[in-house]
Amino acid sequence: MHELSIAASIVEIVEEEARVAGASRVENITIEIGTLSGVMIEALQFAMEEMMLTTSFSGAKINYDIVTAVASCEECCSEFVAEDLFKVCPVCNSSKTYYIRGKELKIKSIEVERDN
């Protein structure tokens, strides 16, 4: 379950960014996850909930933005939803395709409250 190590990395990044920003509290975290990122979203949610219990931002809300995988065909320039890693263009059956989006895993935003 690599989601636990991913959650640990996210927590570490959020803690560091909050410290640098001089935040007294983290209110919201938005994580962007592509459907073909290889991350099991439910497992990451569980791991994040558990990891956050030991942080200074345990009350923060976590939002998960799911990004549908989209690929493009080099032969006919069609764009299509990619439902698995082995993508063939549904228009011309070419295997000369590439991902436009859907494999990402990133912290999209961190909203904090600062001491005045």
PDB file of N, CA and C in Angstrom:
ATOM      1  N   MET A   1       0.855  -1.182   0.000  1.00  0.00           N
ATOM      2  CA  MET A   1       0.000   0.000   0.000  1.00  0.00           C
ATOM      3  C   MET A   1       0.894   1.235   0.000  1.00  0.00           C
ATOM      4  N   HIS A   2       1.234   1.718  -1.190  1.00  0.00           N
ATOM      5  CA  HIS A   2       2.093   2.892  -1.279  1.00  0.00           C
ATOM      6  C   HIS A   2       1.352   4.184  -0.959  1.00  0.00           C
ATOM      7  N   GLU A   3       0.048   4.112  -0.792  1.00  0.00           N
ATOM      8  CA  GLU A   3      -0.727   5.303  -0.442  1.00  0.00           C
ATOM      9  C   GLU A   3      -0.324   5.863   0.921  1.00  0.00           C
ATOM     10  N   LEU A   4       0.136   4.993   1.823  1.00  0.00           N
ATOM     11  CA  LEU A   4       0.586   5.454   3.137  1.00  0.00           C
ATOM     12  C   LEU A   4       1.823   6.341   2.995  1.00  0.00           C
ATOM     13  N   SER A   5       2.765   5.932   2.159  1.00  0.00           N
ATOM     14  CA  SER A   5       3.960   6.762   1.959  1.00  0.00           C
ATOM     15  C   SER A   5       3.616   8.043   1.206  1.00  0.00           C
ATOM     16  N   ILE A   6       2.644   7.980   0.313  1.00  0.00           N
ATOM     17  CA  ILE A   6       2.186   9.190  -0.378  1.00  0.00           C
ATOM     18  C   ILE A   6       1.561  10.146   0.629  1.00  0.00           C
ATOM     19  N   ALA A   7       0.717   9.618   1.502  1.00  0.00           N
ATOM     20  CA  ALA A   7       0.083  10.447   2.536  1.00  0.00           C
ATOM     21  C   ALA A   7       1.137  11.069   3.443  1.00  0.00           C
ATOM     22  N   ALA A   8       2.154  10.303   3.809  1.00  0.00           N
ATOM     23  CA  ALA A   8       3.227  10.832   4.659  1.00  0.00           C
ATOM     24  C   ALA A   8       3.956  11.975   3.961  1.00  0.00           C
ATOM     25  N   SER A   9       4.194  11.833   2.671  1.00  0.00           N
ATOM     26  CA  SER A   9       4.853  12.897   1.909  1.00  0.00           C
ATOM     27  C   SER A   9       3.981  14.143   1.824  1.00  0.00           C
ATOM     28  N   ILE A  10       2.689  13.949   1.601  1.00  0.00           N
ATOM     29  CA  ILE A  10       1.767  15.086   1.538  1.00  0.00           C
ATOM     30  C   ILE A  10       1.754  15.821   2.872  1.00  0.00           C
ATOM     31  N   VAL A  11       1.657  15.077   3.959  1.00  0.00           N
ATOM     32  CA  VAL A  11       1.649  15.681   5.298  1.00  0.00           C
ATOM     33  C   VAL A  11       2.934  16.474   5.528  1.00  0.00           C
ATOM     34  N   GLU A  12       4.063  15.902   5.146  1.00  0.00           N
ATOM     35  CA  GLU A  12       5.349  16.584   5.315  1.00  0.00           C
ATOM     36  C   GLU A  12       5.386  17.893   4.520  1.00  0.00           C
ATOM     37  N   ILE A  13       4.920  17.859   3.285  1.00  0.00           N
ATOM     38  CA  ILE A  13       4.901  19.059   2.440  1.00  0.00           C
ATOM     39  C   ILE A  13       3.976  20.115   3.025  1.00  0.00           C
ATOM     40  N   VAL A  14       2.786  19.709   3.441  1.00  0.00           N
ATOM     41  CA  VAL A  14       1.820  20.662   4.006  1.00  0.00           C
ATOM     42  C   VAL A  14       2.376  21.288   5.279  1.00  0.00           C
ATOM     43  N   GLU A  15       2.982  20.480   6.140  1.00  0.00           N
ATOM     44  CA  GLU A  15       3.572  21.022   7.369  1.00  0.00           C
ATOM     45  C   GLU A  15       4.645  22.056   7.057  1.00  0.00           C
ATOM     46  N   GLU A  16       5.503  21.758   6.090  1.00  0.00           N
ATOM     47  CA  GLU A  16       6.576  22.685   5.724  1.00  0.00           C
ATOM     48  C   GLU A  16       6.014  23.969   5.114  1.00  0.00           C
ATOM     49  N   GLU A  17       5.058  23.845   4.213  1.00  0.00           N
ATOM     50  CA  GLU A  17       4.466  25.032   3.585  1.00  0.00           C
ATOM     51  C   GLU A  17       3.739  25.895   4.611  1.00  0.00           C
ATOM     52  N   ALA A  18       3.067  25.269   5.550  1.00  0.00           N
ATOM     53  CA  ALA A  18       2.374  26.015   6.606  1.00  0.00           C
ATOM     54  C   ALA A  18       3.384  26.744   7.483  1.00  0.00           C
ATOM     55  N   ARG A  19       4.489  26.091   7.795  1.00  0.00           N
ATOM     56  CA  ARG A  19       5.533  26.722   8.603  1.00  0.00           C
ATOM     57  C   ARG A  19       6.118  27.933   7.878  1.00  0.00           C
ATOM     58  N   VAL A  20       6.455  27.763   6.602  1.00  0.00           N
ATOM     59  CA  VAL A  20       7.028  28.849   5.802  1.00  0.00           C
ATOM     60  C   VAL A  20       6.058  30.027   5.705  1.00  0.00           C
ATOM     61  N   ALA A  21       4.766  29.737   5.592  1.00  0.00           N
ATOM     62  CA  ALA A  21       3.746  30.791   5.478  1.00  0.00           C
ATOM     63  C   ALA A  21       3.430  31.445   6.820  1.00  0.00           C
ATOM     64  N   GLY A  22       3.971  30.908   7.897  1.00  0.00           N
ATOM     65  CA  GLY A  22       3.664  31.448   9.217  1.00  0.00           C
ATOM     66  C   GLY A  22       2.230  31.184   9.625  1.00  0.00           C
ATOM     67  N   ALA A  23       1.708  30.052   9.200  1.00  0.00           N
ATOM     68  CA  ALA A  23       0.303  29.719   9.450  1.00  0.00           C
ATOM     69  C   ALA A  23       0.087  29.237  10.877  1.00  0.00           C
ATOM     70  N   SER A  24      -1.016  29.673  11.440  1.00  0.00           N
ATOM     71  CA  SER A  24      -1.406  29.166  12.752  1.00  0.00           C
ATOM     72  C   SER A  24      -2.286  27.931  12.608  1.00  0.00           C
ATOM     73  N   ARG A  25      -2.867  27.796  11.400  1.00  0.00           N
ATOM     74  CA  ARG A  25      -3.793  26.691  11.174  1.00  0.00           C
ATOM     75  C   ARG A  25      -3.916  26.418   9.677  1.00  0.00           C
ATOM     76  N   VAL A  26      -4.017  25.143   9.318  1.00  0.00           N
ATOM     77  CA  VAL A  26      -4.318  24.751   7.940  1.00  0.00           C
ATOM     78  C   VAL A  26      -5.806  24.471   7.884  1.00  0.00           C
ATOM     79  N   GLU A  27      -6.508  25.128   6.954  1.00  0.00           N
ATOM     80  CA  GLU A  27      -7.958  24.967   6.867  1.00  0.00           C
ATOM     81  C   GLU A  27      -8.387  23.993   5.780  1.00  0.00           C
ATOM     82  N   ASN A  28      -7.780  24.098   4.604  1.00  0.00           N
ATOM     83  CA  ASN A  28      -8.159  23.249   3.469  1.00  0.00           C
ATOM     84  C   ASN A  28      -6.923  22.801   2.702  1.00  0.00           C
ATOM     85  N   ILE A  29      -6.983  21.568   2.238  1.00  0.00           N
ATOM     86  CA  ILE A  29      -5.944  21.021   1.371  1.00  0.00           C
ATOM     87  C   ILE A  29      -6.671  20.426   0.172  1.00  0.00           C
ATOM     88  N   THR A  30      -6.226  20.772  -1.024  1.00  0.00           N
ATOM     89  CA  THR A  30      -6.815  20.183  -2.225  1.00  0.00           C
ATOM     90  C   THR A  30      -5.746  19.362  -2.929  1.00  0.00           C
ATOM     91  N   ILE A  31      -6.075  18.105  -3.166  1.00  0.00           N
ATOM     92  CA  ILE A  31      -5.161  17.176  -3.819  1.00  0.00           C
ATOM     93  C   ILE A  31      -5.772  16.785  -5.158  1.00  0.00           C
ATOM     94  N   GLU A  32      -4.972  16.887  -6.209  1.00  0.00           N
ATOM     95  CA  GLU A  32      -5.427  16.541  -7.552  1.00  0.00           C
ATOM     96  C   GLU A  32      -4.870  15.162  -7.909  1.00  0.00           C
ATOM     97  N   ILE A  33      -5.766  14.255  -8.291  1.00  0.00           N
ATOM     98  CA  ILE A  33      -5.374  12.874  -8.580  1.00  0.00           C
ATOM     99  C   ILE A  33      -5.941  12.453  -9.932  1.00  0.00           C
ATOM    100  N   GLY A  34      -5.066  12.017 -10.819  1.00  0.00           N
ATOM    101  CA  GLY A  34      -5.500  11.510 -12.115  1.00  0.00           C
ATOM    102  C   GLY A  34      -6.025  10.088 -11.998  1.00  0.00           C
ATOM    103  N   THR A  35      -6.998   9.760 -12.838  1.00  0.00           N
ATOM    104  CA  THR A  35      -7.595   8.423 -12.777  1.00  0.00           C
ATOM    105  C   THR A  35      -6.603   7.317 -13.143  1.00  0.00           C
ATOM    106  N   LEU A  36      -5.516   7.676 -13.827  1.00  0.00           N
ATOM    107  CA  LEU A  36      -4.493   6.687 -14.165  1.00  0.00           C
ATOM    108  C   LEU A  36      -3.184   6.959 -13.427  1.00  0.00           C
ATOM    109  N   SER A  37      -3.273   7.587 -12.270  1.00  0.00           N
ATOM    110  CA  SER A  37      -2.075   7.897 -11.477  1.00  0.00           C
ATOM    111  C   SER A  37      -1.528   6.668 -10.761  1.00  0.00           C
ATOM    112  N   GLY A  38      -2.331   5.638 -10.650  1.00  0.00           N
ATOM    113  CA  GLY A  38      -1.917   4.447  -9.920  1.00  0.00           C
ATOM    114  C   GLY A  38      -2.234   4.515  -8.438  1.00  0.00           C
ATOM    115  N   VAL A  39      -2.915   5.583  -8.033  1.00  0.00           N
ATOM    116  CA  VAL A  39      -3.255   5.770  -6.627  1.00  0.00           C
ATOM    117  C   VAL A  39      -4.683   5.295  -6.390  1.00  0.00           C
ATOM    118  N   MET A  40      -4.861   4.472  -5.365  1.00  0.00           N
ATOM    119  CA  MET A  40      -6.206   4.061  -4.963  1.00  0.00           C
ATOM    120  C   MET A  40      -6.751   5.172  -4.068  1.00  0.00           C
ATOM    121  N   ILE A  41      -7.732   5.886  -4.569  1.00  0.00           N
ATOM    122  CA  ILE A  41      -8.220   7.086  -3.895  1.00  0.00           C
ATOM    123  C   ILE A  41      -8.738   6.781  -2.493  1.00  0.00           C
ATOM    124  N   GLU A  42      -9.502   5.714  -2.340  1.00  0.00           N
ATOM    125  CA  GLU A  42     -10.047   5.370  -1.026  1.00  0.00           C
ATOM    126  C   GLU A  42      -8.929   5.062  -0.032  1.00  0.00           C
ATOM    127  N   ALA A  43      -7.890   4.382  -0.499  1.00  0.00           N
ATOM    128  CA  ALA A  43      -6.755   4.062   0.376  1.00  0.00           C
ATOM    129  C   ALA A  43      -6.006   5.330   0.771  1.00  0.00           C
ATOM    130  N   LEU A  44      -5.859   6.269  -0.169  1.00  0.00           N
ATOM    131  CA  LEU A  44      -5.199   7.536   0.145  1.00  0.00           C
ATOM    132  C   LEU A  44      -6.029   8.340   1.138  1.00  0.00           C
ATOM    133  N   GLN A  45      -7.337   8.356   0.954  1.00  0.00           N
ATOM    134  CA  GLN A  45      -8.211   9.074   1.889  1.00  0.00           C
ATOM    135  C   GLN A  45      -8.054   8.512   3.298  1.00  0.00           C
ATOM    136  N   PHE A  46      -8.068   7.202   3.423  1.00  0.00           N
ATOM    137  CA  PHE A  46      -7.908   6.560   4.729  1.00  0.00           C
ATOM    138  C   PHE A  46      -6.542   6.896   5.328  1.00  0.00           C
ATOM    139  N   ALA A  47      -5.496   6.776   4.518  1.00  0.00           N
ATOM    140  CA  ALA A  47      -4.142   7.057   4.997  1.00  0.00           C
ATOM    141  C   ALA A  47      -4.003   8.515   5.424  1.00  0.00           C
ATOM    142  N   MET A  48      -4.594   9.434   4.666  1.00  0.00           N
ATOM    143  CA  MET A  48      -4.525  10.856   5.028  1.00  0.00           C
ATOM    144  C   MET A  48      -5.235  11.111   6.348  1.00  0.00           C
ATOM    145  N   GLU A  49      -6.398  10.519   6.529  1.00  0.00           N
ATOM    146  CA  GLU A  49      -7.139  10.704   7.784  1.00  0.00           C
ATOM    147  C   GLU A  49      -6.308  10.226   8.970  1.00  0.00           C
ATOM    148  N   GLU A  50      -5.670   9.084   8.827  1.00  0.00           N
ATOM    149  CA  GLU A  50      -4.856   8.529   9.909  1.00  0.00           C
ATOM    150  C   GLU A  50      -3.602   9.368  10.154  1.00  0.00           C
ATOM    151  N   MET A  51      -2.923   9.758   9.088  1.00  0.00           N
ATOM    152  CA  MET A  51      -1.690  10.540   9.224  1.00  0.00           C
ATOM    153  C   MET A  51      -1.954  11.912   9.837  1.00  0.00           C
ATOM    154  N   MET A  52      -3.077  12.507   9.500  1.00  0.00           N
ATOM    155  CA  MET A  52      -3.376  13.857   9.978  1.00  0.00           C
ATOM    156  C   MET A  52      -3.703  13.897  11.463  1.00  0.00           C
ATOM    157  N   LEU A  53      -4.051  12.776  12.049  1.00  0.00           N
ATOM    158  CA  LEU A  53      -4.360  12.748  13.482  1.00  0.00           C
ATOM    159  C   LEU A  53      -3.173  13.178  14.331  1.00  0.00           C
ATOM    160  N   THR A  54      -1.981  12.997  13.802  1.00  0.00           N
ATOM    161  CA  THR A  54      -0.769  13.316  14.564  1.00  0.00           C
ATOM    162  C   THR A  54      -0.161  14.662  14.171  1.00  0.00           C
ATOM    163  N   THR A  55      -0.899  15.472  13.407  1.00  0.00           N
ATOM    164  CA  THR A  55      -0.357  16.752  12.942  1.00  0.00           C
ATOM    165  C   THR A  55      -1.036  17.921  13.634  1.00  0.00           C
ATOM    166  N   SER A  56      -0.474  19.090  13.402  1.00  0.00           N
ATOM    167  CA  SER A  56      -1.066  20.313  13.947  1.00  0.00           C
ATOM    168  C   SER A  56      -2.259  20.769  13.115  1.00  0.00           C
ATOM    169  N   PHE A  57      -2.506  20.124  11.990  1.00  0.00           N
ATOM    170  CA  PHE A  57      -3.644  20.511  11.146  1.00  0.00           C
ATOM    171  C   PHE A  57      -4.666  19.386  11.023  1.00  0.00           C
ATOM    172  N   SER A  58      -4.882  18.684  12.124  1.00  0.00           N
ATOM    173  CA  SER A  58      -5.794  17.537  12.114  1.00  0.00           C
ATOM    174  C   SER A  58      -7.234  17.911  11.765  1.00  0.00           C
ATOM    175  N   GLY A  59      -7.623  19.164  11.943  1.00  0.00           N
ATOM    176  CA  GLY A  59      -8.990  19.571  11.623  1.00  0.00           C
ATOM    177  C   GLY A  59      -9.177  20.075  10.208  1.00  0.00           C
ATOM    178  N   ALA A  60      -8.119  20.056   9.413  1.00  0.00           N
ATOM    179  CA  ALA A  60      -8.205  20.582   8.047  1.00  0.00           C
ATOM    180  C   ALA A  60      -9.105  19.708   7.177  1.00  0.00           C
ATOM    181  N   LYS A  61      -9.781  20.353   6.246  1.00  0.00           N
ATOM    182  CA  LYS A  61     -10.621  19.631   5.287  1.00  0.00           C
ATOM    183  C   LYS A  61      -9.755  19.270   4.086  1.00  0.00           C
ATOM    184  N   ILE A  62      -9.893  18.041   3.621  1.00  0.00           N
ATOM    185  CA  ILE A  62      -9.149  17.605   2.438  1.00  0.00           C
ATOM    186  C   ILE A  62     -10.129  17.412   1.295  1.00  0.00           C
ATOM    187  N   ASN A  63      -9.837  18.063   0.182  1.00  0.00           N
ATOM    188  CA  ASN A  63     -10.643  17.934  -1.031  1.00  0.00           C
ATOM    189  C   ASN A  63      -9.828  17.137  -2.045  1.00  0.00           C
ATOM    190  N   TYR A  64     -10.488  16.230  -2.721  1.00  0.00           N
ATOM    191  CA  TYR A  64      -9.830  15.425  -3.740  1.00  0.00           C
ATOM    192  C   TYR A  64     -10.446  15.772  -5.091  1.00  0.00           C
ATOM    193  N   ASP A  65      -9.642  16.369  -5.976  1.00  0.00           N
ATOM    194  CA  ASP A  65     -10.086  16.664  -7.334  1.00  0.00           C
ATOM    195  C   ASP A  65      -9.621  15.519  -8.227  1.00  0.00           C
ATOM    196  N   ILE A  66     -10.575  14.804  -8.797  1.00  0.00           N
ATOM    197  CA  ILE A  66     -10.259  13.667  -9.654  1.00  0.00           C
ATOM    198  C   ILE A  66     -10.181  14.151 -11.096  1.00  0.00           C
ATOM    199  N   VAL A  67      -9.065  13.841 -11.754  1.00  0.00           N
ATOM    200  CA  VAL A  67      -8.832  14.269 -13.132  1.00  0.00           C
ATOM    201  C   VAL A  67      -8.987  13.057 -14.044  1.00  0.00           C
ATOM    202  N   THR A  68      -9.965  13.122 -14.927  1.00  0.00           N
ATOM    203  CA  THR A  68     -10.193  12.043 -15.887  1.00  0.00           C
ATOM    204  C   THR A  68      -9.041  12.004 -16.887  1.00  0.00           C
ATOM    205  N   ALA A  69      -8.526  10.815 -17.139  1.00  0.00           N
ATOM    206  CA  ALA A  69      -7.417  10.663 -18.085  1.00  0.00           C
ATOM    207  C   ALA A  69      -7.901  10.909 -19.511  1.00  0.00           C
ATOM    208  N   VAL A  70      -7.169  11.762 -20.208  1.00  0.00           N
ATOM    209  CA  VAL A  70      -7.469  12.076 -21.603  1.00  0.00           C
ATOM    210  C   VAL A  70      -6.192  11.882 -22.409  1.00  0.00           C
ATOM    211  N   ALA A  71      -6.330  11.243 -23.558  1.00  0.00           N
ATOM    212  CA  ALA A  71      -5.196  11.011 -24.450  1.00  0.00           C
ATOM    213  C   ALA A  71      -5.475  11.662 -25.797  1.00  0.00           C
ATOM    214  N   SER A  72      -4.414  11.801 -26.581  1.00  0.00           N
ATOM    215  CA  SER A  72      -4.533  12.377 -27.915  1.00  0.00           C
ATOM    216  C   SER A  72      -3.833  11.451 -28.906  1.00  0.00           C
ATOM    217  N   CYS A  73      -4.347  11.419 -30.111  1.00  0.00           N
ATOM    218  CA  CYS A  73      -3.796  10.576 -31.165  1.00  0.00           C
ATOM    219  C   CYS A  73      -2.887  11.415 -32.071  1.00  0.00           C
ATOM    220  N   GLU A  74      -1.669  10.939 -32.299  1.00  0.00           N
ATOM    221  CA  GLU A  74      -0.741  11.640 -33.187  1.00  0.00           C
ATOM    222  C   GLU A  74      -1.141  11.500 -34.652  1.00  0.00           C
ATOM    223  N   GLU A  75      -1.885  10.464 -34.986  1.00  0.00           N
ATOM    224  CA  GLU A  75      -2.271  10.219 -36.379  1.00  0.00           C
ATOM    225  C   GLU A  75      -3.442  11.090 -36.826  1.00  0.00           C
ATOM    226  N   CYS A  76      -4.527  11.091 -36.054  1.00  0.00           N
ATOM    227  CA  CYS A  76      -5.735  11.809 -36.494  1.00  0.00           C
ATOM    228  C   CYS A  76      -6.075  13.011 -35.612  1.00  0.00           C
ATOM    229  N   CYS A  77      -5.251  13.263 -34.596  1.00  0.00           N
ATOM    230  CA  CYS A  77      -5.417  14.414 -33.681  1.00  0.00           C
ATOM    231  C   CYS A  77      -6.679  14.354 -32.824  1.00  0.00           C
ATOM    232  N   SER A  78      -7.293  13.194 -32.708  1.00  0.00           N
ATOM    233  CA  SER A  78      -8.470  13.051 -31.847  1.00  0.00           C
ATOM    234  C   SER A  78      -8.040  13.048 -30.385  1.00  0.00           C
ATOM    235  N   GLU A  79      -8.911  13.559 -29.530  1.00  0.00           N
ATOM    236  CA  GLU A  79      -8.734  13.450 -28.089  1.00  0.00           C
ATOM    237  C   GLU A  79      -9.819  12.525 -27.574  1.00  0.00           C
ATOM    238  N   PHE A  80      -9.457  11.686 -26.601  1.00  0.00           N
ATOM    239  CA  PHE A  80     -10.422  10.721 -26.082  1.00  0.00           C
ATOM    240  C   PHE A  80     -10.104  10.386 -24.635  1.00  0.00           C
ATOM    241  N   VAL A  81     -11.126   9.921 -23.921  1.00  0.00           N
ATOM    242  CA  VAL A  81     -10.949   9.488 -22.535  1.00  0.00           C
ATOM    243  C   VAL A  81     -10.175   8.174 -22.553  1.00  0.00           C
ATOM    244  N   ALA A  82      -9.097   8.135 -21.775  1.00  0.00           N
ATOM    245  CA  ALA A  82      -8.266   6.929 -21.689  1.00  0.00           C
ATOM    246  C   ALA A  82      -8.664   6.171 -20.430  1.00  0.00           C
ATOM    247  N   GLU A  83      -9.199   4.988 -20.609  1.00  0.00           N
ATOM    248  CA  GLU A  83      -9.701   4.230 -19.467  1.00  0.00           C
ATOM    249  C   GLU A  83      -8.684   3.262 -18.891  1.00  0.00           C
ATOM    250  N   ASP A  84      -7.571   3.052 -19.587  1.00  0.00           N
ATOM    251  CA  ASP A  84      -6.508   2.219 -19.043  1.00  0.00           C
ATOM    252  C   ASP A  84      -5.177   2.683 -19.620  1.00  0.00           C
ATOM    253  N   LEU A  85      -4.106   2.050 -19.187  1.00  0.00           N
ATOM    254  CA  LEU A  85      -2.772   2.482 -19.606  1.00  0.00           C
ATOM    255  C   LEU A  85      -2.450   2.129 -21.050  1.00  0.00           C
ATOM    256  N   PHE A  86      -3.131   1.156 -21.602  1.00  0.00           N
ATOM    257  CA  PHE A  86      -2.887   0.749 -22.979  1.00  0.00           C
ATOM    258  C   PHE A  86      -3.961   1.370 -23.851  1.00  0.00           C
ATOM    259  N   LYS A  87      -3.623   2.477 -24.446  1.00  0.00           N
ATOM    260  CA  LYS A  87      -4.632   3.262 -25.149  1.00  0.00           C
ATOM    261  C   LYS A  87      -4.441   3.176 -26.662  1.00  0.00           C
ATOM    262  N   VAL A  88      -5.505   2.878 -27.351  1.00  0.00           N
ATOM    263  CA  VAL A  88      -5.549   2.871 -28.806  1.00  0.00           C
ATOM    264  C   VAL A  88      -6.612   3.874 -29.200  1.00  0.00           C
ATOM    265  N   CYS A  89      -6.331   4.661 -30.216  1.00  0.00           N
ATOM    266  CA  CYS A  89      -7.287   5.675 -30.651  1.00  0.00           C
ATOM    267  C   CYS A  89      -8.595   5.013 -31.086  1.00  0.00           C
ATOM    268  N   PRO A  90      -9.721   5.443 -30.510  1.00  0.00           N
ATOM    269  CA  PRO A  90     -11.004   4.852 -30.885  1.00  0.00           C
ATOM    270  C   PRO A  90     -11.486   5.309 -32.266  1.00  0.00           C
ATOM    271  N   VAL A  91     -10.857   6.331 -32.825  1.00  0.00           N
ATOM    272  CA  VAL A  91     -11.265   6.847 -34.135  1.00  0.00           C
ATOM    273  C   VAL A  91     -10.537   6.124 -35.261  1.00  0.00           C
ATOM    274  N   CYS A  92      -9.190   6.014 -35.148  1.00  0.00           N
ATOM    275  CA  CYS A  92      -8.421   5.436 -36.256  1.00  0.00           C
ATOM    276  C   CYS A  92      -7.647   4.168 -35.880  1.00  0.00           C
ATOM    277  N   ASN A  93      -7.786   3.706 -34.641  1.00  0.00           N
ATOM    278  CA  ASN A  93      -7.109   2.506 -34.129  1.00  0.00           C
ATOM    279  C   ASN A  93      -5.585   2.608 -34.071  1.00  0.00           C
ATOM    280  N   SER A  94      -5.057   3.796 -34.129  1.00  0.00           N
ATOM    281  CA  SER A  94      -3.613   3.979 -34.029  1.00  0.00           C
ATOM    282  C   SER A  94      -3.164   3.791 -32.579  1.00  0.00           C
ATOM    283  N   SER A  95      -1.965   3.259 -32.419  1.00  0.00           N
ATOM    284  CA  SER A  95      -1.392   3.154 -31.077  1.00  0.00           C
ATOM    285  C   SER A  95      -0.433   4.314 -30.800  1.00  0.00           C
ATOM    286  N   LYS A  96      -0.340   5.244 -31.733  1.00  0.00           N
ATOM    287  CA  LYS A  96       0.513   6.429 -31.553  1.00  0.00           C
ATOM    288  C   LYS A  96      -0.268   7.492 -30.790  1.00  0.00           C
ATOM    289  N   THR A  97      -0.418   7.240 -29.516  1.00  0.00           N
ATOM    290  CA  THR A  97      -1.196   8.132 -28.659  1.00  0.00           C
ATOM    291  C   THR A  97      -0.358   8.540 -27.456  1.00  0.00           C
ATOM    292  N   TYR A  98      -0.759   9.612 -26.815  1.00  0.00           N
ATOM    293  CA  TYR A  98      -0.065  10.080 -25.616  1.00  0.00           C
ATOM    294  C   TYR A  98      -1.076  10.721 -24.675  1.00  0.00           C
ATOM    295  N   TYR A  99      -0.708  10.756 -23.408  1.00  0.00           N
ATOM    296  CA  TYR A  99      -1.600  11.327 -22.393  1.00  0.00           C
ATOM    297  C   TYR A  99      -1.510  12.843 -22.387  1.00  0.00           C
ATOM    298  N   ILE A 100      -2.648  13.476 -22.278  1.00  0.00           N
ATOM    299  CA  ILE A 100      -2.714  14.925 -22.085  1.00  0.00           C
ATOM    300  C   ILE A 100      -2.823  15.209 -20.590  1.00  0.00           C
ATOM    301  N   ARG A 101      -3.626  14.419 -19.916  1.00  0.00           N
ATOM    302  CA  ARG A 101      -3.804  14.557 -18.461  1.00  0.00           C
ATOM    303  C   ARG A 101      -4.362  13.243 -17.913  1.00  0.00           C
ATOM    304  N   GLY A 102      -4.317  13.147 -16.587  1.00  0.00           N
ATOM    305  CA  GLY A 102      -4.905  11.978 -15.935  1.00  0.00           C
ATOM    306  C   GLY A 102      -3.927  11.103 -15.182  1.00  0.00           C
ATOM    307  N   LYS A 103      -2.628  11.438 -15.241  1.00  0.00           N
ATOM    308  CA  LYS A 103      -1.643  10.653 -14.496  1.00  0.00           C
ATOM    309  C   LYS A 103      -1.057  11.450 -13.330  1.00  0.00           C
ATOM    310  N   GLU A 104      -1.590  12.649 -13.113  1.00  0.00           N
ATOM    311  CA  GLU A 104      -1.016  13.520 -12.094  1.00  0.00           C
ATOM    312  C   GLU A 104      -1.410  13.137 -10.676  1.00  0.00           C
ATOM    313  N   LEU A 105      -0.562  13.542  -9.767  1.00  0.00           N
ATOM    314  CA  LEU A 105      -0.825  13.450  -8.333  1.00  0.00           C
ATOM    315  C   LEU A 105      -0.091  14.633  -7.730  1.00  0.00           C
ATOM    316  N   LYS A 106      -0.845  15.631  -7.284  1.00  0.00           N
ATOM    317  CA  LYS A 106      -0.190  16.822  -6.745  1.00  0.00           C
ATOM    318  C   LYS A 106      -1.069  17.534  -5.728  1.00  0.00           C
ATOM    319  N   ILE A 107      -0.401  18.302  -4.894  1.00  0.00           N
ATOM    320  CA  ILE A 107      -1.119  19.172  -3.976  1.00  0.00           C
ATOM    321  C   ILE A 107      -1.470  20.415  -4.777  1.00  0.00           C
ATOM    322  N   LYS A 108      -2.742  20.614  -4.992  1.00  0.00           N
ATOM    323  CA  LYS A 108      -3.199  21.736  -5.817  1.00  0.00           C
ATOM    324  C   LYS A 108      -3.219  23.035  -5.018  1.00  0.00           C
ATOM    325  N   SER A 109      -3.657  22.965  -3.765  1.00  0.00           N
ATOM    326  CA  SER A 109      -3.694  24.174  -2.940  1.00  0.00           C
ATOM    327  C   SER A 109      -3.696  23.821  -1.459  1.00  0.00           C
ATOM    328  N   ILE A 110      -3.214  24.787  -0.685  1.00  0.00           N
ATOM    329  CA  ILE A 110      -3.231  24.695   0.775  1.00  0.00           C
ATOM    330  C   ILE A 110      -3.740  26.038   1.277  1.00  0.00           C
ATOM    331  N   GLU A 111      -4.860  26.031   1.981  1.00  0.00           N
ATOM    332  CA  GLU A 111      -5.405  27.264   2.544  1.00  0.00           C
ATOM    333  C   GLU A 111      -5.090  27.288   4.030  1.00  0.00           C
ATOM    334  N   VAL A 112      -4.503  28.406   4.468  1.00  0.00           N
ATOM    335  CA  VAL A 112      -4.084  28.519   5.863  1.00  0.00           C
ATOM    336  C   VAL A 112      -4.666  29.768   6.511  1.00  0.00           C
ATOM    337  N   GLU A 113      -4.625  29.754   7.830  1.00  0.00           N
ATOM    338  CA  GLU A 113      -4.976  30.931   8.617  1.00  0.00           C
ATOM    339  C   GLU A 113      -3.694  31.364   9.310  1.00  0.00           C
ATOM    340  N   ARG A 114      -3.411  32.657   9.245  1.00  0.00           N
ATOM    341  CA  ARG A 114      -2.182  33.174   9.857  1.00  0.00           C
ATOM    342  C   ARG A 114      -2.490  33.932  11.132  1.00  0.00           C
ATOM    343  N   ASP A 115      -1.518  33.931  12.036  1.00  0.00           N
ATOM    344  CA  ASP A 115      -1.610  34.780  13.225  1.00  0.00           C
ATOM    345  C   ASP A 115      -1.342  36.213  12.796  1.00  0.00           C
ATOM    346  N   ASN A 116      -2.080  37.132  13.357  1.00  0.00           N
ATOM    347  CA  ASN A 116      -1.840  38.542  13.014  1.00  0.00           C
ATOM    348  C   ASN A 116      -1.010  39.222  14.050  1.00  0.00           C
TER     349      ASN A 116
END
